[in-house]
Each structure stands twice: as C-alpha cells, then as structure tokens.
Amino acid sequence: MRHLSLVTALSLTLLAACDSQTTQTQTTSAATVSTAQTQAASTQTTSAANAQTASGETASAAAPTPASGEAVTLRVGATPVPAGELLEFIKPKLAEQGITLEITEFTDYVTPNTALGEGSLDANLFQHQPYLDSFQADRPLNIVPVRPIYLPALGLYSEKVGALAELPDGATIAVPNDPSNEARALLLLQQGGLITLKPDAGANAGLDAIADNSRGFKFLELEAAQLPRSLADTDASIVNGNYALEVGLNPAKDAILHEEKDSPYVNVLATTQDRQSDPNITRLADALTTPEVRDWLLQKYGGSIIPAF
C-alpha cells in the first residue's frame, strides 16, 4: 500500500513538472509572437510615416493643380492681336497649374460668341461690355463678363492727311458697322470736334444720331475687320485697336485721333453664365491680370493697349 502511494506521488510530481514546462513553453511562445507583432507593427508604422513624409514632400514640391484635382483643357476664342498673343504669353503659366490652354483665333466679332454660346468654347477674349450687351440683346446666349482685361484704343487713321486739322470738308470716313462699335466711333469723332451727336444718343447710336455734320462728312459703314484695308479708298477710317495692331498701326503713334484711357470700352474675358463661378475660369482670369501681364502689355504694344486691372 505504501509502495502504491509512492508510485502515485511520483506520477503526480512528473505530471506537474510536465504541465509547468508546457505552461512555460506557451508563455515563451506567446511572448515571442507578441514581440514579433510589435516589431511588425513598428515596421508598418515607420513605413507609413516614411511614405507619408515622401508623399508630403512630393505634394509640396508639385505645382498647383486645377480645382478638380485633374488636368483640364480650357478652349478660349480670341482675335489674333492682342488677345491671341496675350493668351499665348500666359499659356506656360497655366500649364504649370495643370491647365492646357487651347486657343482658337477668329477674325470677326460674331463667331467667337456663337461658338461660346453653343459650347465649343469655354471662354473668349475680344469684346467690350457694350458690344456684349448689344449681342446678347439680339442673340441671347447667356454670355457674361468675367473680368476686364485691357483697352485696345480705337483710332482714326488716314493715308491722305497727317493731322486731324488737315481733314477736308466732305471727307469720306469709314466706321464700324456693328451697333456698339459704330456708336463708339461716332463718340470719338465728336471728341475730335468733327460732328455733334444728339443728347439722347445711346450705346448703340447709329448715323441717325448725328445732330450736326456741318462739314458734310460722308460715312462708309464697314465690317470692323475690313477697316484697315479701307484706308486706301477713304480720307480716314476708324479702326479698332486689335485690327490696327495686326497691320502694324499703333493707336498711340499713328492715329490722328484716338481714345483716351478713361474709355468705357474695355475688353473683357467672357464665359457662359453656368461657367461664371468655375474655379478654372477664375484661374484663367487671374493669370490674365498679373503685374507681369501688365508690364508685358505696356512694353509689347508701346502704350496702345492699356491694362484695365
């Protein structure tokens, strides 16, 4: 009986030792797994931190992108000079912001607005506010101004005389035939003392708004783009600033009469009403109205294009 008790006690002792060893082994294994998990988590945290740092460095070094976060293309219509040249000047700056500027040049004042209203353009740059108002009255396309950009001074040019005082009575003077620019031309002639307009002559005044033409001037109404070519056949022609520059005429130097800087006929960047608050249109407007652009306009065009910002 005593022998059996010793055997039983020994068995219990061995069993307890085995359980103790098993528990120790499990504890060691658990500790090892825990350490490995901690190291793995630490490695992942470090990697994530490094990745975030690298990402942050890349983001801070990259150029700003459009508000959408993706590269975009803006299609802008313009007359070649100065609008087309100005848009080409700012094109690289916009490219740094992820905006590709696609410039389409027009030689008339109607197509850029119809193309904008029909959706084949995102914006245009060529017209002043009175012309836009007149166009919208005849063809409402929901076109709105975004920001004033520059004044291309309207001028009276002549290949026959060198000064306004030399213009003879009965002279033939060509003027633009669109309502807003014809009114603008008549105001210029009144400024020079050549005619007098009726007191109620408005922004779309035509030849019937002339109250006094005592010197007997004859007026030839032509499309604005044709006016530079009319100089050989007239005593004088009133030419819009953009068309004058295209043929090498400088309003500040070559015109016998020209608008002053307080003229209301400033050219505006325009878009459609639904795009008026588009951040990318705003970026375009911002790029067109920087101090760098102001200096470029004044230097390139010798003062004949006056910045309006």
Protein backbone atom coordinates (compact mmCIF):
# COMPACT_ATOMS: atom_id res chain seq x y z
CA MET A 1 0.00 0.00 0.00
CA ARG A 2 2.84 2.33 0.85
CA HIS A 3 4.55 1.31 -2.38
CA LEU A 4 1.45 2.27 -4.33
CA SER A 5 1.35 5.67 -2.67
CA LEU A 6 4.95 6.37 -3.62
CA VAL A 7 4.24 5.45 -7.23
CA THR A 8 1.19 7.64 -7.25
CA ALA A 9 3.07 10.57 -5.73
CA LEU A 10 5.89 10.21 -8.24
CA SER A 11 3.43 10.18 -11.10
CA LEU A 12 1.76 13.30 -9.83
CA THR A 13 5.12 15.04 -9.46
CA LEU A 14 6.12 14.17 -13.06
CA LEU A 15 2.73 15.32 -14.34
CA ALA A 16 3.06 18.63 -12.51
CA ALA A 17 6.55 19.15 -13.92
CA CYS A 18 5.28 18.45 -17.41
CA ASP A 19 2.41 20.91 -17.02
CA SER A 20 4.82 23.53 -15.71
CA GLN A 21 7.15 23.06 -18.66
CA THR A 22 4.22 23.21 -21.09
CA THR A 23 2.97 26.44 -19.49
CA GLN A 24 6.45 27.96 -19.63
CA THR A 25 6.76 26.98 -23.29
CA GLN A 26 3.38 28.52 -24.09
CA THR A 27 4.28 31.68 -22.23
CA THR A 28 7.59 31.95 -24.10
CA SER A 29 5.86 31.36 -27.44
CA ALA A 30 3.21 33.95 -26.67
CA ALA A 31 5.89 36.45 -25.73
CA THR A 32 7.76 35.70 -28.94
CA VAL A 33 4.61 36.18 -31.04
CA SER A 34 3.81 39.40 -29.19
CA THR A 35 7.33 40.71 -29.80
CA ALA A 36 7.12 39.80 -33.49
CA GLN A 37 3.75 41.51 -33.81
CA THR A 38 5.09 44.60 -32.07
CA GLN A 39 8.11 44.68 -34.38
CA ALA A 40 5.89 44.20 -37.42
CA ALA A 41 3.55 46.95 -36.29
CA SER A 42 6.52 49.21 -35.64
CA THR A 43 7.89 48.48 -39.11
CA GLN A 44 4.49 49.22 -40.69
CA THR A 45 4.18 52.46 -38.73
CA THR A 46 7.67 53.54 -39.76
CA SER A 47 6.98 52.65 -43.39
CA ALA A 48 3.68 54.52 -43.31
CA ALA A 49 5.37 57.52 -41.75
CA ASN A 50 8.12 57.45 -44.36
CA ALA A 51 5.55 57.10 -47.13
CA GLN A 52 3.54 59.98 -45.72
CA THR A 53 6.67 62.13 -45.47
CA ALA A 54 7.64 61.31 -49.04
CA SER A 55 4.12 61.99 -50.20
CA GLY A 56 4.07 65.30 -48.38
CA GLU A 57 7.40 66.31 -49.88
CA THR A 58 6.16 65.41 -53.35
CA ALA A 59 2.90 67.30 -52.86
CA SER A 60 4.64 70.40 -51.60
CA ALA A 61 7.09 70.34 -54.49
CA ALA A 62 4.43 69.80 -57.19
CA ALA A 63 2.77 72.69 -59.00
CA PRO A 64 -0.85 73.51 -58.04
CA THR A 65 -3.46 71.59 -59.97
CA PRO A 66 -6.90 72.75 -61.07
CA ALA A 67 -9.73 72.74 -58.57
CA SER A 68 -10.97 69.41 -59.90
CA GLY A 69 -7.66 67.77 -58.99
CA GLU A 70 -7.21 66.63 -62.58
CA ALA A 71 -5.57 68.21 -65.61
CA VAL A 72 -8.07 70.15 -67.71
CA THR A 73 -8.20 71.88 -71.08
CA LEU A 74 -9.72 75.34 -71.47
CA ARG A 75 -10.81 76.27 -75.00
CA VAL A 76 -10.61 80.02 -75.48
CA GLY A 77 -11.58 82.06 -78.54
CA ALA A 78 -9.77 85.30 -79.37
CA THR A 79 -8.92 87.79 -82.05
CA PRO A 80 -5.24 87.34 -83.01
CA VAL A 81 -3.91 90.66 -81.65
CA PRO A 82 -3.64 91.40 -78.80
CA ALA A 83 -5.89 88.72 -77.29
CA GLY A 84 -4.33 85.72 -79.06
CA GLU A 85 -0.80 86.90 -78.31
CA LEU A 86 -1.67 87.57 -74.68
CA LEU A 87 -3.17 84.10 -74.25
CA GLU A 88 -0.03 82.56 -75.76
CA PHE A 89 2.02 84.56 -73.24
CA ILE A 90 0.16 83.14 -70.22
CA LYS A 91 -0.10 79.61 -71.64
CA PRO A 92 3.07 78.28 -69.90
CA LYS A 93 1.96 79.69 -66.53
CA LEU A 94 -1.36 77.89 -66.76
CA ALA A 95 0.37 74.69 -67.84
CA GLU A 96 2.26 74.75 -64.52
CA GLN A 97 -1.14 74.60 -62.82
CA GLY A 98 -2.31 71.64 -64.89
CA ILE A 99 -4.40 73.74 -67.28
CA THR A 100 -3.88 73.30 -71.02
CA LEU A 101 -4.93 76.40 -72.93
CA GLU A 102 -6.37 75.65 -76.37
CA ILE A 103 -6.57 78.93 -78.31
CA THR A 104 -8.80 79.41 -81.36
CA GLU A 105 -8.35 82.67 -83.27
CA PHE A 106 -11.16 84.47 -85.09
CA THR A 107 -11.13 87.44 -87.45
CA ASP A 108 -14.70 88.57 -86.80
CA TYR A 109 -16.75 89.61 -83.78
CA VAL A 110 -19.69 87.21 -84.17
CA THR A 111 -18.29 83.69 -84.37
CA PRO A 112 -16.40 83.80 -81.03
CA ASN A 113 -19.69 84.44 -79.22
CA THR A 114 -21.77 81.90 -81.14
CA ALA A 115 -19.06 79.27 -80.55
CA LEU A 116 -19.04 80.10 -76.84
CA GLY A 117 -22.82 80.02 -76.55
CA GLU A 118 -23.03 76.71 -78.43
CA GLY A 119 -20.42 75.07 -76.19
CA SER A 120 -17.41 74.64 -78.47
CA LEU A 121 -15.51 77.25 -76.40
CA ASP A 122 -15.18 77.67 -72.63
CA ALA A 123 -14.40 81.40 -72.75
CA ASN A 124 -13.46 84.18 -75.14
CA LEU A 125 -11.44 87.39 -75.10
CA PHE A 126 -12.11 90.03 -77.76
CA GLN A 127 -15.11 92.21 -76.87
CA HIS A 128 -16.07 95.14 -74.68
CA GLN A 129 -19.13 95.30 -72.47
CA PRO A 130 -21.30 97.49 -74.76
CA TYR A 131 -20.74 95.07 -77.65
CA LEU A 132 -21.58 92.09 -75.43
CA ASP A 133 -24.78 93.80 -74.25
CA SER A 134 -25.78 94.54 -77.84
CA PHE A 135 -25.01 90.98 -78.97
CA GLN A 136 -26.98 89.48 -76.07
CA ALA A 137 -29.98 91.67 -76.89
CA ASP A 138 -30.10 90.22 -80.43
CA ARG A 139 -28.90 86.69 -79.65
CA PRO A 140 -29.28 85.72 -76.00
CA LEU A 141 -26.67 83.01 -75.40
CA ASN A 142 -26.20 83.54 -71.64
CA ILE A 143 -22.73 85.04 -72.14
CA VAL A 144 -21.46 87.04 -69.17
CA PRO A 145 -18.31 89.06 -68.43
CA VAL A 146 -15.77 87.58 -66.03
CA ARG A 147 -13.19 90.35 -65.64
CA PRO A 148 -11.97 93.48 -67.51
CA ILE A 149 -8.56 92.88 -69.12
CA TYR A 150 -7.38 95.72 -71.42
CA LEU A 151 -8.42 98.65 -73.61
CA PRO A 152 -7.37 98.45 -77.28
CA ALA A 153 -7.74 102.13 -78.14
CA LEU A 154 -9.98 102.99 -81.08
CA GLY A 155 -8.27 105.33 -83.54
CA LEU A 156 -8.91 107.44 -86.63
CA TYR A 157 -6.23 106.76 -89.26
CA SER A 158 -5.51 108.33 -92.61
CA GLU A 159 -3.16 107.77 -95.54
CA LYS A 160 -4.17 111.14 -97.02
CA VAL A 161 -3.51 113.58 -94.15
CA GLY A 162 -1.09 113.66 -91.24
CA ALA A 163 -3.20 115.58 -88.71
CA LEU A 164 -6.83 115.93 -87.75
CA ALA A 165 -6.89 119.62 -88.72
CA GLU A 166 -5.94 118.69 -92.31
CA LEU A 167 -9.03 116.56 -92.87
CA PRO A 168 -11.06 118.35 -95.60
CA ASP A 169 -14.75 119.18 -95.56
CA GLY A 170 -16.78 116.49 -97.30
CA ALA A 171 -14.17 113.82 -96.47
CA THR A 172 -15.21 110.17 -96.55
CA ILE A 173 -14.77 108.46 -93.19
CA ALA A 174 -15.20 104.72 -92.72
CA VAL A 175 -16.71 103.48 -89.43
CA PRO A 176 -17.52 100.02 -87.99
CA ASN A 177 -20.98 98.77 -88.92
CA ASP A 178 -21.85 96.86 -85.73
CA PRO A 179 -24.05 98.96 -83.42
CA SER A 180 -21.84 99.26 -80.35
CA ASN A 181 -18.63 100.00 -82.24
CA GLU A 182 -20.36 102.43 -84.59
CA ALA A 183 -21.62 104.37 -81.58
CA ARG A 184 -18.12 104.25 -80.14
CA ALA A 185 -16.69 105.60 -83.42
CA LEU A 186 -19.19 108.46 -83.53
CA LEU A 187 -18.32 109.38 -79.94
CA LEU A 188 -14.66 109.52 -80.98
CA LEU A 189 -15.49 111.84 -83.89
CA GLN A 190 -17.47 114.05 -81.52
CA GLN A 191 -14.48 114.05 -79.13
CA GLY A 192 -12.38 115.39 -82.03
CA GLY A 193 -14.91 118.13 -82.79
CA LEU A 194 -15.84 116.73 -86.21
CA ILE A 195 -19.55 116.09 -85.50
CA THR A 196 -22.11 116.57 -82.73
CA LEU A 197 -24.44 113.81 -81.54
CA LYS A 198 -27.98 114.13 -80.25
CA PRO A 199 -28.20 114.41 -76.45
CA ASP A 200 -30.03 111.07 -76.21
CA ALA A 201 -27.50 109.16 -78.36
CA GLY A 202 -27.00 105.83 -76.62
CA ALA A 203 -24.57 102.94 -76.62
CA ASN A 204 -25.98 101.67 -79.93
CA ALA A 205 -26.25 105.03 -81.70
CA GLY A 206 -26.08 104.97 -85.48
CA LEU A 207 -25.62 107.62 -88.15
CA ASP A 208 -29.13 108.91 -87.48
CA ALA A 209 -27.91 110.01 -84.02
CA ILE A 210 -25.74 112.74 -85.63
CA ALA A 211 -27.20 116.14 -84.79
CA ASP A 212 -24.64 118.31 -86.56
CA ASN A 213 -22.47 117.40 -89.56
CA SER A 214 -21.87 120.94 -90.83
CA ARG A 215 -18.65 119.94 -92.58
CA GLY A 216 -20.51 117.49 -94.78
CA PHE A 217 -18.57 114.31 -93.93
CA LYS A 218 -19.65 111.15 -95.75
CA PHE A 219 -19.68 107.94 -93.75
CA LEU A 220 -18.94 104.47 -95.06
CA GLU A 221 -20.14 101.64 -92.80
CA LEU A 222 -17.93 98.53 -93.00
CA GLU A 223 -17.32 95.36 -91.05
CA ALA A 224 -14.64 96.08 -88.44
CA ALA A 225 -12.15 93.60 -89.93
CA GLN A 226 -12.28 95.40 -93.31
CA LEU A 227 -11.49 98.87 -91.96
CA PRO A 228 -7.66 98.68 -92.17
CA ARG A 229 -7.95 97.74 -95.86
CA SER A 230 -10.27 100.67 -96.50
CA LEU A 231 -7.60 103.29 -95.80
CA ALA A 232 -6.50 103.44 -99.43
CA ASP A 233 -10.06 104.26 -100.53
CA THR A 234 -11.13 106.74 -97.84
CA ASP A 235 -9.89 110.01 -96.44
CA ALA A 236 -9.82 108.43 -92.99
CA SER A 237 -11.04 105.26 -91.29
CA ILE A 238 -11.79 104.44 -87.68
CA VAL A 239 -10.10 101.15 -86.84
CA ASN A 240 -10.43 99.01 -83.73
CA GLY A 241 -7.20 98.60 -81.79
CA ASN A 242 -6.80 94.87 -82.40
CA TYR A 243 -7.18 95.23 -86.19
CA ALA A 244 -4.87 98.25 -86.25
CA LEU A 245 -2.12 96.30 -84.50
CA GLU A 246 -2.49 93.39 -86.92
CA VAL A 247 -1.46 95.66 -89.82
CA GLY A 248 1.28 97.46 -87.92
CA LEU A 249 -0.64 100.57 -86.85
CA ASN A 250 -0.10 101.88 -83.33
CA PRO A 251 -3.05 103.92 -82.00
CA ALA A 252 -0.76 105.91 -79.70
CA LYS A 253 1.60 106.91 -82.54
CA ASP A 254 -0.16 106.59 -85.88
CA ALA A 255 -3.75 107.68 -85.25
CA ILE A 256 -4.70 111.30 -85.93
CA LEU A 257 -7.34 110.87 -83.19
CA HIS A 258 -7.67 108.11 -80.59
CA GLU A 259 -9.50 107.17 -77.39
CA GLU A 260 -8.09 108.07 -74.02
CA LYS A 261 -7.59 105.66 -71.12
CA ASP A 262 -10.90 106.62 -69.45
CA SER A 263 -12.88 104.95 -72.27
CA PRO A 264 -15.64 102.56 -71.15
CA TYR A 265 -14.81 100.18 -73.99
CA VAL A 266 -12.51 97.83 -72.10
CA ASN A 267 -12.23 94.29 -73.43
CA VAL A 268 -13.43 91.60 -71.04
CA LEU A 269 -12.84 87.90 -70.54
CA ALA A 270 -16.26 86.30 -71.06
CA THR A 271 -17.83 82.91 -70.47
CA THR A 272 -21.31 81.42 -70.16
CA GLN A 273 -23.40 82.00 -67.07
CA ASP A 274 -23.12 78.38 -65.91
CA ARG A 275 -19.29 78.63 -66.00
CA GLN A 276 -19.03 82.05 -64.37
CA SER A 277 -18.01 80.61 -60.98
CA ASP A 278 -15.90 77.76 -62.39
CA PRO A 279 -12.59 77.77 -60.44
CA ASN A 280 -10.65 77.05 -63.63
CA ILE A 281 -12.17 80.08 -65.38
CA THR A 282 -11.15 82.09 -62.31
CA ARG A 283 -7.60 80.74 -62.66
CA LEU A 284 -7.60 81.91 -66.28
CA ALA A 285 -8.79 85.37 -65.25
CA ASP A 286 -6.14 85.52 -62.51
CA ALA A 287 -3.41 84.60 -64.99
CA LEU A 288 -4.55 87.40 -67.32
CA THR A 289 -4.39 90.10 -64.63
CA THR A 290 -0.97 89.80 -63.02
CA PRO A 291 1.66 92.55 -62.71
CA GLU A 292 3.75 90.55 -65.16
CA VAL A 293 0.97 90.73 -67.76
CA ARG A 294 0.54 94.48 -67.16
CA ASP A 295 4.24 95.08 -67.85
CA TRP A 296 4.17 92.82 -70.90
CA LEU A 297 1.18 94.63 -72.45
CA LEU A 298 2.70 98.06 -71.97
CA GLN A 299 6.10 97.03 -73.30
CA LYS A 300 4.94 94.94 -76.26
CA TYR A 301 2.34 97.37 -77.60
CA GLY A 302 4.03 100.66 -76.74
CA GLY A 303 1.10 102.02 -74.74
CA SER A 304 -1.53 101.39 -77.41
CA ILE A 305 -3.01 98.57 -75.31
CA ILE A 306 -3.90 99.85 -71.86
CA PRO A 307 -4.22 97.33 -68.97
CA ALA A 308 -7.55 97.62 -67.17
CA PHE A 309 -6.52 96.00 -63.88
